[in-house]
Amino acid sequence: MKKYLMVLPFLLLSFKGFSQETTAQIQLQPGDDFRKAEFPGGEDAFRKEFLNMVYAYIDVALYAIKGEVTFIFNIDPKGKIDKVDILPKFKNSETFIDDMKYAAKKVKGKWKPATKNGVPVDSKLIMKIRFDNNTYDHD
């Protein structure tokens, strides 16, 4: 968990070159009260539920994905996932992203949004999933 928090700023900066939209970055000042987004049961519960929805609704074999895929979920101030992006990009990645958005919307439970000084703000969740032989790694 701590490694994700330490890597997050570097990943957010590196993703800027791949982004098609410009979004405001959260600027933290000393003394700011920032609380990250929370899913009922934690990020592991979200990961498990998301992967179950991917397995239930998406035929990953159509994409012939093999290797690690990094998912970047944007959690809006209402606690909903409004954007999904992936790295690396590959053939048919836009269709794959649309399918992953669909799977994310099927996840039961709502995120408690991140807050800065008590005000809900956009935040990112970065999750890596390894796909091998048309399956995914649960852990």
C-alpha atoms as a PDB file:
ATOM      1  CA  MET A   1       0.000   0.000   0.000  1.00  0.00           C
ATOM      2  CA  LYS A   2       2.752   2.427   0.935  1.00  0.00           C
ATOM      3  CA  LYS A   3       4.630   1.643  -2.273  1.00  0.00           C
ATOM      4  CA  TYR A   4       1.574   2.727  -4.313  1.00  0.00           C
ATOM      5  CA  LEU A   5       1.399   6.031  -2.465  1.00  0.00           C
ATOM      6  CA  MET A   6       5.108   6.669  -3.037  1.00  0.00           C
ATOM      7  CA  VAL A   7       4.902   5.748  -6.742  1.00  0.00           C
ATOM      8  CA  LEU A   8       1.659   7.657  -7.404  1.00  0.00           C
ATOM      9  CA  PRO A   9       3.216  11.120  -7.963  1.00  0.00           C
ATOM     10  CA  PHE A  10       5.742   9.724 -10.461  1.00  0.00           C
ATOM     11  CA  LEU A  11       3.090   7.753 -12.315  1.00  0.00           C
ATOM     12  CA  LEU A  12       0.756  10.728 -12.514  1.00  0.00           C
ATOM     13  CA  LEU A  13       3.528  12.822 -14.013  1.00  0.00           C
ATOM     14  CA  SER A  14       4.485  10.118 -16.516  1.00  0.00           C
ATOM     15  CA  PHE A  15       0.862   9.596 -17.602  1.00  0.00           C
ATOM     16  CA  LYS A  16       0.473  13.267 -18.525  1.00  0.00           C
ATOM     17  CA  GLY A  17       2.178  12.606 -21.863  1.00  0.00           C
ATOM     18  CA  PHE A  18      -0.356   9.891 -22.700  1.00  0.00           C
ATOM     19  CA  SER A  19      -3.410  11.842 -21.624  1.00  0.00           C
ATOM     20  CA  GLN A  20      -5.755  13.309 -24.176  1.00  0.00           C
ATOM     21  CA  GLU A  21      -7.466  15.529 -21.643  1.00  0.00           C
ATOM     22  CA  THR A  22      -5.986  18.064 -19.303  1.00  0.00           C
ATOM     23  CA  THR A  23      -7.220  17.701 -15.746  1.00  0.00           C
ATOM     24  CA  ALA A  24      -6.438  19.775 -12.700  1.00  0.00           C
ATOM     25  CA  GLN A  25      -3.870  18.202 -10.412  1.00  0.00           C
ATOM     26  CA  ILE A  26      -4.340  18.287  -6.668  1.00  0.00           C
ATOM     27  CA  GLN A  27      -1.760  20.628  -5.198  1.00  0.00           C
ATOM     28  CA  LEU A  28      -1.099  19.930  -1.544  1.00  0.00           C
ATOM     29  CA  GLN A  29       0.341  22.577   0.714  1.00  0.00           C
ATOM     30  CA  PRO A  30       1.769  22.020   4.195  1.00  0.00           C
ATOM     31  CA  GLY A  31      -1.133  21.762   6.606  1.00  0.00           C
ATOM     32  CA  ASP A  32      -3.650  20.561   3.990  1.00  0.00           C
ATOM     33  CA  ASP A  33      -5.908  17.774   5.165  1.00  0.00           C
ATOM     34  CA  PHE A  34      -6.009  15.208   2.339  1.00  0.00           C
ATOM     35  CA  ARG A  35      -7.854  11.914   2.622  1.00  0.00           C
ATOM     36  CA  LYS A  36      -7.657   9.449  -0.246  1.00  0.00           C
ATOM     37  CA  ALA A  37     -10.694   7.746  -1.751  1.00  0.00           C
ATOM     38  CA  GLU A  38     -11.962   4.710   0.124  1.00  0.00           C
ATOM     39  CA  PHE A  39     -13.877   1.679  -1.106  1.00  0.00           C
ATOM     40  CA  PRO A  40     -15.953  -0.408   1.344  1.00  0.00           C
ATOM     41  CA  GLY A  41     -13.568  -3.173   2.408  1.00  0.00           C
ATOM     42  CA  GLY A  42     -10.530  -1.376   0.985  1.00  0.00           C
ATOM     43  CA  GLU A  43      -8.694  -1.432  -2.320  1.00  0.00           C
ATOM     44  CA  ASP A  44      -8.263  -5.209  -2.163  1.00  0.00           C
ATOM     45  CA  ALA A  45     -12.051  -5.616  -2.021  1.00  0.00           C
ATOM     46  CA  PHE A  46     -12.403  -3.348  -5.071  1.00  0.00           C
ATOM     47  CA  ARG A  47      -9.718  -5.283  -6.938  1.00  0.00           C
ATOM     48  CA  LYS A  48     -11.407  -8.603  -6.214  1.00  0.00           C
ATOM     49  CA  GLU A  49     -14.865  -7.327  -7.197  1.00  0.00           C
ATOM     50  CA  PHE A  50     -13.529  -5.614 -10.338  1.00  0.00           C
ATOM     51  CA  LEU A  51     -11.739  -8.763 -11.489  1.00  0.00           C
ATOM     52  CA  ASN A  52     -14.869 -10.815 -10.830  1.00  0.00           C
ATOM     53  CA  MET A  53     -16.843  -8.419 -13.043  1.00  0.00           C
ATOM     54  CA  VAL A  54     -14.164  -8.568 -15.754  1.00  0.00           C
ATOM     55  CA  TYR A  55     -14.329 -12.369 -15.666  1.00  0.00           C
ATOM     56  CA  ALA A  56     -18.150 -12.405 -15.662  1.00  0.00           C
ATOM     57  CA  TYR A  57     -18.830  -9.815 -18.389  1.00  0.00           C
ATOM     58  CA  ILE A  58     -15.750  -9.467 -20.611  1.00  0.00           C
ATOM     59  CA  ASP A  59     -14.204 -11.971 -23.009  1.00  0.00           C
ATOM     60  CA  VAL A  60     -10.576 -10.999 -22.487  1.00  0.00           C
ATOM     61  CA  ALA A  61      -9.524 -13.623 -25.069  1.00  0.00           C
ATOM     62  CA  LEU A  62     -10.779 -11.258 -27.790  1.00  0.00           C
ATOM     63  CA  TYR A  63      -7.905  -8.905 -27.001  1.00  0.00           C
ATOM     64  CA  ALA A  64      -5.092 -11.497 -26.835  1.00  0.00           C
ATOM     65  CA  ILE A  65      -3.523  -9.673 -23.898  1.00  0.00           C
ATOM     66  CA  LYS A  66      -0.442 -11.179 -22.353  1.00  0.00           C
ATOM     67  CA  GLY A  67       1.531  -9.372 -19.684  1.00  0.00           C
ATOM     68  CA  GLU A  68       0.979  -6.655 -17.133  1.00  0.00           C
ATOM     69  CA  VAL A  69      -1.611  -3.945 -17.727  1.00  0.00           C
ATOM     70  CA  THR A  70      -1.742  -0.848 -15.546  1.00  0.00           C
ATOM     71  CA  PHE A  71      -5.243   0.491 -14.937  1.00  0.00           C
ATOM     72  CA  ILE A  72      -5.745   4.129 -13.978  1.00  0.00           C
ATOM     73  CA  PHE A  73      -9.192   4.767 -12.517  1.00  0.00           C
ATOM     74  CA  ASN A  74     -10.409   8.318 -11.914  1.00  0.00           C
ATOM     75  CA  ILE A  75     -12.740   8.578  -8.928  1.00  0.00           C
ATOM     76  CA  ASP A  76     -14.842  11.720  -9.190  1.00  0.00           C
ATOM     77  CA  PRO A  77     -16.032  13.913  -6.277  1.00  0.00           C
ATOM     78  CA  LYS A  78     -19.294  11.914  -6.179  1.00  0.00           C
ATOM     79  CA  GLY A  79     -17.424   8.636  -5.571  1.00  0.00           C
ATOM     80  CA  LYS A  80     -17.977   7.216  -9.047  1.00  0.00           C
ATOM     81  CA  ILE A  81     -15.378   5.935 -11.481  1.00  0.00           C
ATOM     82  CA  ASP A  82     -15.804   8.286 -14.406  1.00  0.00           C
ATOM     83  CA  LYS A  83     -12.677   7.498 -16.434  1.00  0.00           C
ATOM     84  CA  VAL A  84     -10.536   4.437 -17.004  1.00  0.00           C
ATOM     85  CA  ASP A  85      -7.224   4.387 -18.825  1.00  0.00           C
ATOM     86  CA  ILE A  86      -4.656   1.675 -19.401  1.00  0.00           C
ATOM     87  CA  LEU A  87      -0.964   1.396 -20.091  1.00  0.00           C
ATOM     88  CA  PRO A  88       0.567   0.201 -22.288  1.00  0.00           C
ATOM     89  CA  LYS A  89      -1.685   0.960 -25.233  1.00  0.00           C
ATOM     90  CA  PHE A  90      -2.252  -1.883 -27.691  1.00  0.00           C
ATOM     91  CA  LYS A  91      -4.383  -2.810 -30.693  1.00  0.00           C
ATOM     92  CA  ASN A  92      -8.087  -2.316 -29.868  1.00  0.00           C
ATOM     93  CA  SER A  93      -7.199  -0.652 -26.558  1.00  0.00           C
ATOM     94  CA  GLU A  94     -10.103   1.826 -26.829  1.00  0.00           C
ATOM     95  CA  THR A  95     -12.594  -1.044 -27.058  1.00  0.00           C
ATOM     96  CA  PHE A  96     -10.825  -2.778 -24.173  1.00  0.00           C
ATOM     97  CA  ILE A  97     -11.065   0.420 -22.090  1.00  0.00           C
ATOM     98  CA  ASP A  98     -14.792   0.648 -22.847  1.00  0.00           C
ATOM     99  CA  ASP A  99     -15.210  -2.950 -21.663  1.00  0.00           C
ATOM    100  CA  MET A 100     -13.239  -2.209 -18.496  1.00  0.00           C
ATOM    101  CA  LYS A 101     -15.437   0.844 -17.796  1.00  0.00           C
ATOM    102  CA  TYR A 102     -18.459  -1.427 -18.113  1.00  0.00           C
ATOM    103  CA  ALA A 103     -16.942  -3.936 -15.668  1.00  0.00           C
ATOM    104  CA  ALA A 104     -16.062  -1.123 -13.227  1.00  0.00           C
ATOM    105  CA  LYS A 105     -19.670   0.144 -13.330  1.00  0.00           C
ATOM    106  CA  LYS A 106     -20.900  -3.343 -12.418  1.00  0.00           C
ATOM    107  CA  VAL A 107     -18.864  -3.339  -9.189  1.00  0.00           C
ATOM    108  CA  LYS A 108     -21.158  -3.239  -6.166  1.00  0.00           C
ATOM    109  CA  GLY A 109     -20.289  -0.550  -3.646  1.00  0.00           C
ATOM    110  CA  LYS A 110     -19.527   3.121  -3.997  1.00  0.00           C
ATOM    111  CA  TRP A 111     -16.266   4.893  -3.353  1.00  0.00           C
ATOM    112  CA  LYS A 112     -16.081   7.490  -0.634  1.00  0.00           C
ATOM    113  CA  PRO A 113     -14.351  10.269  -2.603  1.00  0.00           C
ATOM    114  CA  ALA A 114     -10.989  11.733  -1.741  1.00  0.00           C
ATOM    115  CA  THR A 115     -11.163  15.014   0.129  1.00  0.00           C
ATOM    116  CA  LYS A 116      -8.882  18.012   0.400  1.00  0.00           C
ATOM    117  CA  ASN A 117      -9.648  20.177   3.435  1.00  0.00           C
ATOM    118  CA  GLY A 118     -13.050  18.480   3.661  1.00  0.00           C
ATOM    119  CA  VAL A 119     -14.018  19.176   0.032  1.00  0.00           C
ATOM    120  CA  PRO A 120     -14.490  16.138  -2.291  1.00  0.00           C
ATOM    121  CA  VAL A 121     -11.963  16.092  -5.162  1.00  0.00           C
ATOM    122  CA  ASP A 122     -11.012  13.884  -8.121  1.00  0.00           C
ATOM    123  CA  SER A 123      -8.467  11.198  -7.349  1.00  0.00           C
ATOM    124  CA  LYS A 124      -6.724   8.339  -9.108  1.00  0.00           C
ATOM    125  CA  LEU A 125      -6.436   4.652  -8.295  1.00  0.00           C
ATOM    126  CA  ILE A 126      -3.627   2.783 -10.021  1.00  0.00           C
ATOM    127  CA  MET A 127      -3.904  -0.985 -10.205  1.00  0.00           C
ATOM    128  CA  LYS A 128      -1.741  -3.497 -12.073  1.00  0.00           C
ATOM    129  CA  ILE A 129      -3.160  -6.749 -13.407  1.00  0.00           C
ATOM    130  CA  ARG A 130      -1.189  -9.498 -15.118  1.00  0.00           C
ATOM    131  CA  PHE A 131      -2.948 -11.234 -18.002  1.00  0.00           C
ATOM    132  CA  ASP A 132      -1.495 -14.573 -19.147  1.00  0.00           C
ATOM    133  CA  ASN A 133      -3.029 -17.103 -21.493  1.00  0.00           C
ATOM    134  CA  ASN A 134      -6.374 -15.315 -21.481  1.00  0.00           C
ATOM    135  CA  THR A 135      -6.649 -15.278 -17.693  1.00  0.00           C
ATOM    136  CA  TYR A 136      -5.786 -12.705 -15.066  1.00  0.00           C
ATOM    137  CA  ASP A 137      -3.782 -12.853 -11.872  1.00  0.00           C
ATOM    138  CA  HIS A 138      -6.000 -12.418  -8.815  1.00  0.00           C
ATOM    139  CA  ASP A 139      -3.130 -11.344  -6.559  1.00  0.00           C
END
